[in-house]
Amino acid sequence: MRNDMKRLTAVVLLLLGTHSHRQKADAAANDQAAEFNALCSILELANKGLTIGGVTTPPSIQTDIKFLTALNLSLAPDSFFNQNFKRPDNPKGESEEWTENKATWAELQENIKAGNKGSLDTIIHRIEGEQRRGAARKVVNATLHKVASLKKALKSTPSSEDIKEAMQLVLYGDKEATSATGPKTFGSTAGNGQKACGHDGSADQEAGISLASDFVCLCGAADSNGIKACAGFAASETITHTGSHTPTSAFTDTVKYCHESGSKPTPAAIQAAILNFRSLLGKITETADGKRAVFGAYANSGACNGNASPNCVTYKARVQGKKLMIPWLVNLEGAAELISEQEKNSAVNREISAQIASLASAAYGSYLQALHADPAAHLTQAAAARQPDGGSNSETKKKECEKHKDNKTACENAKCEWKGGNSENKGECEVDETKVKEQQNTGASAETTTDKCAEKEKKDCEKATDYK
């Protein structure tokens, strides 16, 4: 009797064990909901990443550069400002600067002459008189050189296309693919998903070739129980992985059950989704070794194929050293780095834009000073600039006097000192130093009393005195 009870107990335990293993092999509804939701979160971020813009450069930079160019043109010498910028190019060729800027110069010249704003925010006037233009022109020229240097530091990468291609690699295993289809998405083997889903984790498996493929592996089975394990009882499709022959609908009919969280594809959101995915690896595994790299149900000892061995992906072959080198995961991490770089470089460009705006504002201040300056101040400065020093004046006078050697009358008329006594035609003619000093003193005192219009033509003087 005792032996019969032992045999009965053994049979019951065997049956219970078989039932327990069958539950793991044939997953119940929602058994893989956590894994499914984890992939859905990654899918949402990858899809949104397809439309992320690249590095941005504020358009105000070009506006400010055009404004500075207008200031520079308004302050240019007459010989440059009055050119015909619409003339035909020289058959022998033109400078790169001319070719690049002639259209802008022509437009700005026309607006300055007409007193129109054109595409600028303010009217730029032509400043008359070289003395008024000189100092401001130096400031504007120096500003343009600084701006040219700052422009070289502008960032242009990554582009929106760089980020889009990275996300298409995540989704479809091909940077140029726009949908889930073919061997690059679903693996090289035709007819079954054994290799694409990782099988038993042996070498040369293709688990993780794309996110689309792993969705079909995770929710794939020989009947609708596969999708039910991911999306619940309401799901009724039969999703089966058939390798490179897997139809696009196997993917789209799976992911239509994904929920959306509204998360934006930021580097932080992507890293959080990756950590959640990693935390679910090996969740249902009962043995050690690489089986902790099984994602989803531990069916048939982890021999996943998206069909008879349903609801799982085996990533054992993707473990290299201590790194998990799942292709779509590696590409997703790369995409996160691109987005981070895009944010950083766009911030650099915004800072450069702010610096250029500040420089343009300062240059405009110099232009306004020249525009509204008192012409008398410029004329006084000009008189001082023209006054020769004592040394150069004496040297000039000496040469003039020497011309009148042996001619007493001409020597004295030139206000030189005659060194020939009473002789009219024999003697030296030298500089009269006392008269040179008187001339210098007279010139110095005249600086403070020079008339506004001295040494200027009447027309130029009248223009200059219009600015008050």
Protein backbone atom coordinates (compact mmCIF):
# COMPACT_ATOMS: atom_id res chain seq x y z
CA MET A 1 0.00 0.00 0.00
CA ARG A 2 2.79 2.35 0.95
CA ASN A 3 4.57 1.63 -2.36
CA ASP A 4 1.35 2.35 -4.29
CA MET A 5 1.08 5.75 -2.62
CA LYS A 6 4.67 6.56 -3.57
CA ARG A 7 3.99 5.64 -7.19
CA LEU A 8 0.81 7.77 -7.24
CA THR A 9 2.66 10.76 -5.77
CA ALA A 10 5.40 10.45 -8.41
CA VAL A 11 2.82 10.41 -11.21
CA VAL A 12 1.06 13.51 -9.84
CA LEU A 13 4.36 15.41 -9.54
CA LEU A 14 5.30 14.40 -13.09
CA LEU A 15 1.98 15.64 -14.42
CA LEU A 16 2.32 18.91 -12.53
CA GLY A 17 5.82 19.40 -13.93
CA THR A 18 4.63 18.70 -17.46
CA HIS A 19 1.77 21.18 -17.05
CA SER A 20 4.14 23.78 -15.66
CA HIS A 21 6.52 23.40 -18.61
CA ARG A 22 3.61 23.58 -21.06
CA GLN A 23 2.51 26.87 -19.54
CA LYS A 24 5.94 28.29 -20.27
CA ALA A 25 5.98 26.91 -23.79
CA ASP A 26 2.47 28.07 -24.69
CA ALA A 27 2.24 31.51 -23.15
CA ALA A 28 -1.07 32.72 -21.81
CA ALA A 29 -2.65 36.06 -22.70
CA ASN A 30 -0.54 39.04 -21.59
CA ASP A 31 2.33 36.83 -20.42
CA GLN A 32 4.71 38.91 -22.56
CA ALA A 33 2.92 42.24 -22.06
CA ALA A 34 5.89 43.77 -20.21
CA GLU A 35 8.34 42.84 -22.97
CA PHE A 36 5.88 43.94 -25.66
CA ASN A 37 5.36 47.31 -23.98
CA ALA A 38 9.13 47.76 -23.67
CA LEU A 39 9.59 47.29 -27.42
CA CYS A 40 6.59 49.55 -28.08
CA SER A 41 8.25 52.37 -26.12
CA ILE A 42 11.38 51.99 -28.23
CA LEU A 43 9.30 51.85 -31.42
CA GLU A 44 7.56 55.12 -30.53
CA LEU A 45 10.86 56.90 -29.94
CA ALA A 46 12.40 55.53 -33.15
CA ASN A 47 9.39 56.54 -35.26
CA LYS A 48 9.42 60.06 -33.85
CA GLY A 49 13.16 60.22 -34.39
CA LEU A 50 12.61 59.88 -38.15
CA THR A 51 11.42 63.49 -38.29
CA ILE A 52 13.90 65.16 -35.94
CA GLY A 53 15.59 68.15 -37.55
CA GLY A 54 19.33 68.44 -37.82
CA VAL A 55 21.59 71.11 -36.38
CA THR A 56 19.92 74.51 -36.69
CA THR A 57 21.57 77.82 -37.54
CA PRO A 58 19.51 80.90 -36.56
CA PRO A 59 18.50 82.81 -39.72
CA SER A 60 19.29 86.03 -37.86
CA ILE A 61 22.98 85.36 -38.54
CA GLN A 62 22.57 85.98 -42.27
CA THR A 63 20.34 88.98 -41.54
CA ASP A 64 23.00 90.52 -39.30
CA ILE A 65 25.75 89.86 -41.86
CA LYS A 66 23.71 91.58 -44.57
CA PHE A 67 23.10 94.50 -42.20
CA LEU A 68 26.84 94.81 -41.53
CA THR A 69 27.51 94.64 -45.28
CA ALA A 70 25.08 97.54 -45.76
CA LEU A 71 26.86 99.57 -43.08
CA ASN A 72 30.20 98.83 -44.69
CA LEU A 73 28.94 99.90 -48.11
CA SER A 74 27.48 103.13 -46.73
CA LEU A 75 30.90 103.96 -45.27
CA ALA A 76 32.96 102.87 -48.28
CA PRO A 77 35.11 105.35 -50.26
CA ASP A 78 33.36 106.95 -53.22
CA SER A 79 35.52 104.95 -55.63
CA PHE A 80 33.95 101.74 -54.34
CA PHE A 81 30.43 102.89 -53.52
CA ASN A 82 29.84 104.45 -56.94
CA GLN A 83 30.78 101.31 -58.89
CA ASN A 84 28.28 99.65 -61.20
CA PHE A 85 27.75 96.37 -59.41
CA LYS A 86 25.45 95.16 -62.19
CA ARG A 87 28.08 95.44 -64.89
CA PRO A 88 28.97 92.32 -66.89
CA ASP A 89 31.79 90.26 -65.47
CA ASN A 90 35.24 90.79 -66.89
CA PRO A 91 35.95 88.10 -69.53
CA LYS A 92 39.33 87.58 -67.87
CA GLY A 93 37.57 86.64 -64.65
CA GLU A 94 36.55 88.33 -61.42
CA SER A 95 37.67 87.92 -57.84
CA GLU A 96 35.85 85.44 -55.65
CA GLU A 97 34.75 88.29 -53.38
CA TRP A 98 33.19 90.16 -56.32
CA THR A 99 31.40 87.09 -57.64
CA GLU A 100 30.06 86.18 -54.23
CA ASN A 101 28.89 89.65 -53.17
CA LYS A 102 28.06 91.67 -56.31
CA ALA A 103 24.32 90.90 -56.21
CA THR A 104 24.09 91.90 -52.54
CA TRP A 105 26.15 95.04 -53.12
CA ALA A 106 23.92 96.04 -56.04
CA GLU A 107 20.77 95.57 -53.96
CA LEU A 108 22.14 97.46 -50.95
CA GLN A 109 23.58 100.27 -53.09
CA GLU A 110 20.19 100.80 -54.71
CA ASN A 111 18.39 100.92 -51.34
CA ILE A 112 20.98 103.24 -49.76
CA LYS A 113 20.71 105.70 -52.65
CA ALA A 114 16.90 105.58 -52.60
CA GLY A 115 16.59 105.71 -48.82
CA ASN A 116 14.73 102.39 -48.70
CA LYS A 117 14.96 99.68 -46.06
CA GLY A 118 14.73 96.85 -48.53
CA SER A 119 15.04 93.54 -46.67
CA LEU A 120 16.66 95.22 -43.65
CA ASP A 121 14.88 96.48 -40.54
CA THR A 122 16.09 100.06 -40.90
CA ILE A 123 17.16 102.56 -43.55
CA ILE A 124 20.92 102.87 -44.04
CA HIS A 125 22.08 106.27 -45.33
CA ARG A 126 25.16 107.11 -47.34
CA ILE A 127 27.54 109.08 -45.12
CA GLU A 128 29.13 111.97 -46.99
CA GLY A 129 32.71 113.02 -46.46
CA GLU A 130 35.65 110.68 -46.16
CA GLN A 131 36.71 112.15 -42.82
CA ARG A 132 33.32 111.26 -41.34
CA ARG A 133 33.40 107.73 -42.75
CA GLY A 134 36.94 106.70 -41.86
CA ALA A 135 36.70 105.87 -38.15
CA ALA A 136 33.34 104.12 -38.42
CA ARG A 137 34.53 102.14 -41.45
CA LYS A 138 37.45 100.76 -39.42
CA VAL A 139 35.03 99.55 -36.75
CA VAL A 140 32.67 97.93 -39.26
CA ASN A 141 35.53 96.28 -41.18
CA ALA A 142 36.96 94.87 -37.95
CA THR A 143 33.50 93.63 -37.03
CA LEU A 144 33.10 91.84 -40.35
CA HIS A 145 36.45 90.11 -39.83
CA LYS A 146 35.32 88.92 -36.38
CA VAL A 147 32.02 87.71 -37.81
CA ALA A 148 33.83 85.79 -40.57
CA SER A 149 35.90 84.06 -37.89
CA LEU A 150 32.80 83.24 -35.83
CA LYS A 151 31.06 81.82 -38.90
CA LYS A 152 33.84 79.26 -39.26
CA ALA A 153 32.89 77.91 -35.82
CA LEU A 154 29.26 77.27 -36.82
CA LYS A 155 28.20 73.62 -36.65
CA SER A 156 26.36 71.87 -39.47
CA THR A 157 26.19 68.23 -38.35
CA PRO A 158 24.46 65.97 -37.65
CA SER A 159 21.84 66.62 -40.29
CA SER A 160 18.23 65.48 -40.13
CA GLU A 161 19.15 62.83 -42.70
CA ASP A 162 21.90 61.46 -40.41
CA ILE A 163 19.39 60.96 -37.58
CA LYS A 164 16.72 59.58 -39.91
CA GLU A 165 19.09 56.96 -41.31
CA ALA A 166 20.13 55.92 -37.79
CA MET A 167 16.49 55.40 -36.82
CA GLN A 168 15.74 53.45 -40.01
CA LEU A 169 18.59 51.12 -39.08
CA VAL A 170 16.89 50.59 -35.72
CA LEU A 171 13.47 49.94 -37.20
CA TYR A 172 14.26 48.02 -40.37
CA GLY A 173 17.96 47.08 -40.30
CA ASP A 174 18.60 49.23 -43.38
CA LYS A 175 19.37 52.96 -43.32
CA GLU A 176 17.51 53.48 -46.60
CA ALA A 177 14.45 51.34 -45.82
CA THR A 178 11.09 52.95 -45.14
CA SER A 179 9.14 49.78 -44.34
CA ALA A 180 9.66 46.31 -42.88
CA THR A 181 10.45 43.90 -45.68
CA GLY A 182 13.09 41.53 -47.00
CA PRO A 183 16.26 39.92 -45.62
CA LYS A 184 17.76 43.12 -44.16
CA THR A 185 14.73 43.40 -41.90
CA PHE A 186 13.74 39.78 -41.25
CA GLY A 187 16.96 37.79 -41.70
CA SER A 188 18.76 35.89 -44.41
CA THR A 189 17.00 32.53 -44.03
CA ALA A 190 13.85 32.00 -46.07
CA GLY A 191 10.86 30.00 -44.83
CA ASN A 192 11.39 30.09 -41.06
CA GLY A 193 12.35 32.51 -38.33
CA GLN A 194 14.73 30.22 -36.48
CA LYS A 195 17.90 32.17 -37.33
CA ALA A 196 16.26 35.61 -37.12
CA CYS A 197 14.87 34.90 -33.64
CA GLY A 198 18.17 33.57 -32.28
CA HIS A 199 17.22 29.86 -32.05
CA ASP A 200 19.32 28.29 -29.28
CA GLY A 201 21.87 31.11 -29.11
CA SER A 202 24.55 29.33 -31.11
CA ALA A 203 26.94 31.25 -33.34
CA ASP A 204 25.84 33.03 -36.52
CA GLN A 205 22.30 33.68 -35.33
CA GLU A 206 20.65 36.95 -36.41
CA ALA A 207 18.55 37.96 -33.42
CA GLY A 208 18.17 41.73 -33.17
CA ILE A 209 18.77 42.35 -36.88
CA SER A 210 15.95 44.91 -36.66
CA LEU A 211 13.32 46.02 -34.16
CA ALA A 212 10.61 44.93 -36.61
CA SER A 213 11.98 41.38 -36.70
CA ASP A 214 12.17 41.14 -32.90
CA PHE A 215 8.55 42.26 -32.58
CA VAL A 216 7.48 39.35 -34.81
CA CYS A 217 9.70 36.92 -32.86
CA LEU A 218 8.29 38.11 -29.53
CA CYS A 219 4.64 37.90 -30.59
CA GLY A 220 4.95 35.16 -33.19
CA ALA A 221 3.50 31.65 -32.87
CA ALA A 222 1.75 28.98 -34.89
CA ASP A 223 -1.64 30.45 -33.93
CA SER A 224 -3.20 33.56 -32.39
CA ASN A 225 -1.91 32.68 -28.92
CA GLY A 226 1.32 34.44 -29.87
CA ILE A 227 -0.22 37.88 -30.31
CA LYS A 228 -2.49 37.28 -27.33
CA ALA A 229 0.56 36.78 -25.12
CA CYS A 230 1.70 40.26 -26.17
CA ALA A 231 -1.52 42.23 -26.54
CA GLY A 232 -4.23 40.35 -24.63
CA PHE A 233 -7.39 38.40 -25.47
CA ALA A 234 -8.70 41.01 -27.93
CA ALA A 235 -5.85 40.34 -30.33
CA SER A 236 -6.75 37.63 -32.83
CA GLU A 237 -4.17 37.65 -35.65
CA THR A 238 -1.81 34.77 -36.30
CA ILE A 239 1.66 36.31 -36.36
CA THR A 240 4.38 33.97 -37.63
CA HIS A 241 8.02 34.67 -38.43
CA THR A 242 9.02 33.13 -41.76
CA GLY A 243 12.49 34.62 -42.12
CA SER A 244 13.15 36.77 -45.18
CA HIS A 245 9.66 35.87 -46.46
CA THR A 246 7.95 37.47 -43.46
CA PRO A 247 5.29 39.86 -44.81
CA THR A 248 5.22 43.50 -43.76
CA SER A 249 1.76 42.86 -42.29
CA ALA A 250 3.27 40.56 -39.65
CA PHE A 251 4.97 43.64 -38.23
CA THR A 252 2.17 46.16 -38.75
CA ASP A 253 -0.49 43.78 -37.34
CA THR A 254 1.66 43.37 -34.24
CA VAL A 255 2.56 46.98 -33.48
CA LYS A 256 -0.96 48.29 -34.01
CA TYR A 257 -1.60 47.14 -30.43
CA CYS A 258 1.16 49.36 -29.03
CA HIS A 259 0.17 52.17 -26.71
CA GLU A 260 1.70 55.62 -27.13
CA SER A 261 3.20 57.47 -24.19
CA GLY A 262 3.74 60.86 -25.80
CA SER A 263 7.45 60.74 -25.01
CA LYS A 264 9.77 62.85 -27.14
CA PRO A 265 12.87 61.19 -28.63
CA THR A 266 15.38 62.85 -26.32
CA PRO A 267 18.65 61.15 -25.35
CA ALA A 268 17.32 60.74 -21.80
CA ALA A 269 14.07 59.12 -22.97
CA ILE A 270 15.98 56.74 -25.25
CA GLN A 271 18.37 55.71 -22.47
CA ALA A 272 15.43 55.10 -20.12
CA ALA A 273 13.75 52.87 -22.72
CA ILE A 274 16.99 50.94 -23.23
CA LEU A 275 17.41 50.36 -19.48
CA ASN A 276 13.83 49.08 -19.26
CA PHE A 277 14.50 46.67 -22.13
CA ARG A 278 17.68 45.38 -20.48
CA SER A 279 15.89 44.82 -17.17
CA LEU A 280 13.53 42.34 -18.84
CA LEU A 281 16.22 40.13 -20.37
CA GLY A 282 16.13 36.62 -18.87
CA LYS A 283 13.11 37.44 -16.72
CA ILE A 284 11.50 34.02 -17.20
CA THR A 285 14.72 32.02 -17.59
CA GLU A 286 15.29 29.16 -15.13
CA THR A 287 18.86 28.23 -15.99
CA ALA A 288 22.17 30.04 -15.99
CA ASP A 289 24.61 30.54 -18.85
CA GLY A 290 23.46 32.63 -21.82
CA LYS A 291 19.80 31.87 -21.20
CA ARG A 292 19.59 35.13 -19.28
CA ALA A 293 19.85 36.68 -22.75
CA VAL A 294 16.41 35.30 -23.65
CA PHE A 295 13.79 38.03 -24.09
CA GLY A 296 10.23 36.85 -23.51
CA ALA A 297 8.96 33.33 -22.86
CA TYR A 298 11.47 30.58 -22.07
CA ALA A 299 10.02 28.27 -24.71
CA ASN A 300 11.74 25.01 -25.64
CA SER A 301 14.79 25.90 -23.53
CA GLY A 302 15.04 29.27 -25.26
CA ALA A 303 15.13 27.89 -28.81
CA CYS A 304 13.07 30.78 -30.20
CA ASN A 305 11.79 30.86 -33.78
CA GLY A 306 8.61 32.96 -33.84
CA ASN A 307 6.50 29.91 -34.65
CA ALA A 308 6.53 26.55 -32.85
CA SER A 309 8.87 28.02 -30.23
CA PRO A 310 6.89 31.21 -29.71
CA ASN A 311 7.02 34.53 -27.93
CA CYS A 312 10.75 35.05 -27.47
CA VAL A 313 14.08 36.20 -28.87
CA THR A 314 17.41 34.61 -27.91
CA TYR A 315 20.25 37.15 -27.84
CA LYS A 316 22.95 34.79 -26.57
CA ALA A 317 24.96 35.05 -29.81
CA ARG A 318 24.89 38.84 -29.46
CA VAL A 319 26.72 38.85 -26.13
CA GLN A 320 30.33 39.79 -26.87
CA GLY A 321 32.46 39.85 -23.76
CA LYS A 322 30.40 41.88 -21.34
CA LYS A 323 28.64 43.88 -24.05
CA LEU A 324 25.23 43.22 -25.52
CA MET A 325 25.75 43.91 -29.22
CA ILE A 326 22.18 43.68 -30.50
CA PRO A 327 22.27 45.54 -33.85
CA TRP A 328 19.13 47.63 -33.39
CA LEU A 329 20.15 48.40 -29.79
CA VAL A 330 23.63 49.56 -30.85
CA ASN A 331 22.07 51.69 -33.59
CA LEU A 332 19.58 53.17 -31.13
CA GLU A 333 22.41 54.16 -28.78
CA GLY A 334 24.16 55.73 -31.77
CA ALA A 335 21.00 57.64 -32.67
CA ALA A 336 20.80 58.95 -29.10
CA GLU A 337 24.37 60.24 -29.42
CA LEU A 338 23.48 61.99 -32.69
CA ILE A 339 20.48 63.68 -31.07
CA SER A 340 22.66 64.76 -28.15
CA GLU A 341 25.24 66.18 -30.57
CA GLN A 342 22.49 67.93 -32.53
CA GLU A 343 21.22 69.63 -29.36
CA LYS A 344 24.73 70.66 -28.29
CA ASN A 345 25.74 72.00 -31.71
CA SER A 346 22.48 73.89 -32.15
CA ALA A 347 23.18 75.56 -28.79
CA VAL A 348 26.68 76.51 -30.03
CA ASN A 349 25.13 78.12 -33.11
CA ARG A 350 22.65 80.06 -31.00
CA GLU A 351 25.51 81.42 -28.89
CA ILE A 352 27.43 82.45 -32.02
CA SER A 353 24.29 84.14 -33.31
CA ALA A 354 24.03 86.14 -30.08
CA GLN A 355 27.68 87.22 -30.37
CA ILE A 356 27.19 88.34 -33.98
CA ALA A 357 24.06 90.30 -33.01
CA SER A 358 26.02 92.07 -30.28
CA LEU A 359 28.85 92.93 -32.69
CA ALA A 360 26.36 94.23 -35.26
CA SER A 361 24.76 96.44 -32.62
CA ALA A 362 28.12 97.94 -31.66
CA ALA A 363 29.01 98.55 -35.32
CA TYR A 364 25.67 100.27 -35.85
CA GLY A 365 26.53 102.58 -32.96
CA SER A 366 29.73 103.63 -34.73
CA TYR A 367 27.77 104.23 -37.93
CA LEU A 368 25.26 106.42 -36.08
CA GLN A 369 28.08 108.45 -34.53
CA ALA A 370 29.46 109.14 -37.99
CA LEU A 371 25.99 109.88 -39.38
CA HIS A 372 25.11 112.47 -36.74
CA ALA A 373 28.58 113.85 -35.99
CA ASP A 374 29.30 117.62 -36.14
CA PRO A 375 31.22 118.19 -39.41
CA ALA A 376 33.39 120.86 -37.72
CA ALA A 377 34.95 118.20 -35.51
CA HIS A 378 36.05 116.23 -38.56
CA LEU A 379 37.41 119.32 -40.29
CA THR A 380 39.43 120.28 -37.22
CA GLN A 381 40.87 116.77 -37.12
CA ALA A 382 41.67 117.02 -40.82
CA ALA A 383 43.49 120.32 -40.34
CA ALA A 384 45.55 118.80 -37.56
CA ALA A 385 46.33 115.80 -39.74
CA ARG A 386 47.48 118.04 -42.58
CA GLN A 387 49.74 120.24 -40.39
CA PRO A 388 53.34 119.08 -41.09
CA ASP A 389 55.80 118.71 -38.27
CA GLY A 390 58.65 121.16 -37.83
CA GLY A 391 61.24 118.84 -39.29
CA SER A 392 59.47 118.20 -42.57
CA ASN A 393 58.59 121.90 -42.91
CA SER A 394 62.23 123.01 -42.48
CA GLU A 395 63.45 120.46 -45.01
CA THR A 396 60.94 121.62 -47.59
CA LYS A 397 61.82 125.27 -47.02
CA LYS A 398 65.52 124.53 -47.29
CA LYS A 399 65.09 122.98 -50.73
CA GLU A 400 63.00 125.92 -51.86
CA CYS A 401 65.61 128.44 -50.70
CA GLU A 402 68.46 126.59 -52.37
CA LYS A 403 66.71 127.06 -55.71
CA HIS A 404 67.30 130.85 -55.40
CA LYS A 405 71.06 130.70 -54.98
CA ASP A 406 72.80 133.65 -56.72
CA ASN A 407 69.50 135.62 -56.91
CA LYS A 408 69.02 138.04 -54.03
CA THR A 409 65.59 139.32 -55.10
CA ALA A 410 64.06 135.85 -55.57
CA CYS A 411 65.58 134.67 -52.30
CA GLU A 412 64.07 137.49 -50.26
CA ASN A 413 60.68 137.19 -52.03
CA ALA A 414 60.64 133.53 -50.96
CA LYS A 415 61.16 134.71 -47.37
CA CYS A 416 64.59 133.11 -47.23
CA GLU A 417 67.78 134.66 -45.81
CA TRP A 418 70.27 136.09 -48.38
CA LYS A 419 73.90 135.34 -47.56
CA GLY A 420 75.54 137.34 -50.36
CA GLY A 421 75.74 140.78 -48.80
CA ASN A 422 75.00 143.58 -51.29
CA SER A 423 75.62 141.41 -54.32
CA GLU A 424 72.53 140.80 -56.43
CA ASN A 425 73.76 137.72 -58.23
CA LYS A 426 76.34 135.98 -56.11
CA GLY A 427 75.66 134.39 -52.75
CA GLU A 428 73.86 131.65 -50.84
CA CYS A 429 70.10 131.54 -50.12
CA GLU A 430 69.27 129.82 -46.83
CA VAL A 431 66.28 129.17 -44.61
CA ASP A 432 65.27 131.98 -42.29
CA GLU A 433 64.62 129.89 -39.13
CA THR A 434 62.81 132.71 -37.32
CA LYS A 435 60.16 132.90 -40.04
CA VAL A 436 59.66 129.11 -40.09
CA LYS A 437 58.88 129.11 -36.37
CA GLU A 438 56.39 131.95 -36.82
CA GLN A 439 54.66 129.97 -39.56
CA GLN A 440 54.40 126.88 -37.34
CA ASN A 441 52.94 128.87 -34.45
CA THR A 442 50.41 130.52 -36.73
CA GLY A 443 49.32 127.13 -38.06
CA ALA A 444 48.92 125.69 -34.57
CA SER A 445 46.70 128.54 -33.41
CA ALA A 446 44.67 128.33 -36.60
CA GLU A 447 43.52 124.80 -35.73
CA THR A 448 41.06 126.14 -33.20
CA THR A 449 39.68 128.88 -35.44
CA THR A 450 39.48 127.18 -38.84
CA ASP A 451 36.23 127.87 -40.62
CA LYS A 452 33.92 124.83 -41.06
CA CYS A 453 34.16 125.10 -44.80
CA ALA A 454 37.90 125.75 -45.10
CA GLU A 455 39.59 123.63 -47.75
CA LYS A 456 36.22 122.10 -48.78
CA GLU A 457 34.30 122.75 -51.92
CA LYS A 458 31.05 124.64 -51.40
CA LYS A 459 28.87 121.67 -52.38
CA ASP A 460 30.65 119.29 -49.99
CA CYS A 461 30.50 121.86 -47.20
CA GLU A 462 26.76 122.34 -47.60
CA LYS A 463 26.20 118.58 -47.45
CA ALA A 464 28.39 118.23 -44.40
CA THR A 465 26.61 120.96 -42.46
CA ASP A 466 23.21 119.32 -43.03
CA TYR A 467 24.01 116.76 -40.24
CA LYS A 468 23.35 118.26 -36.82
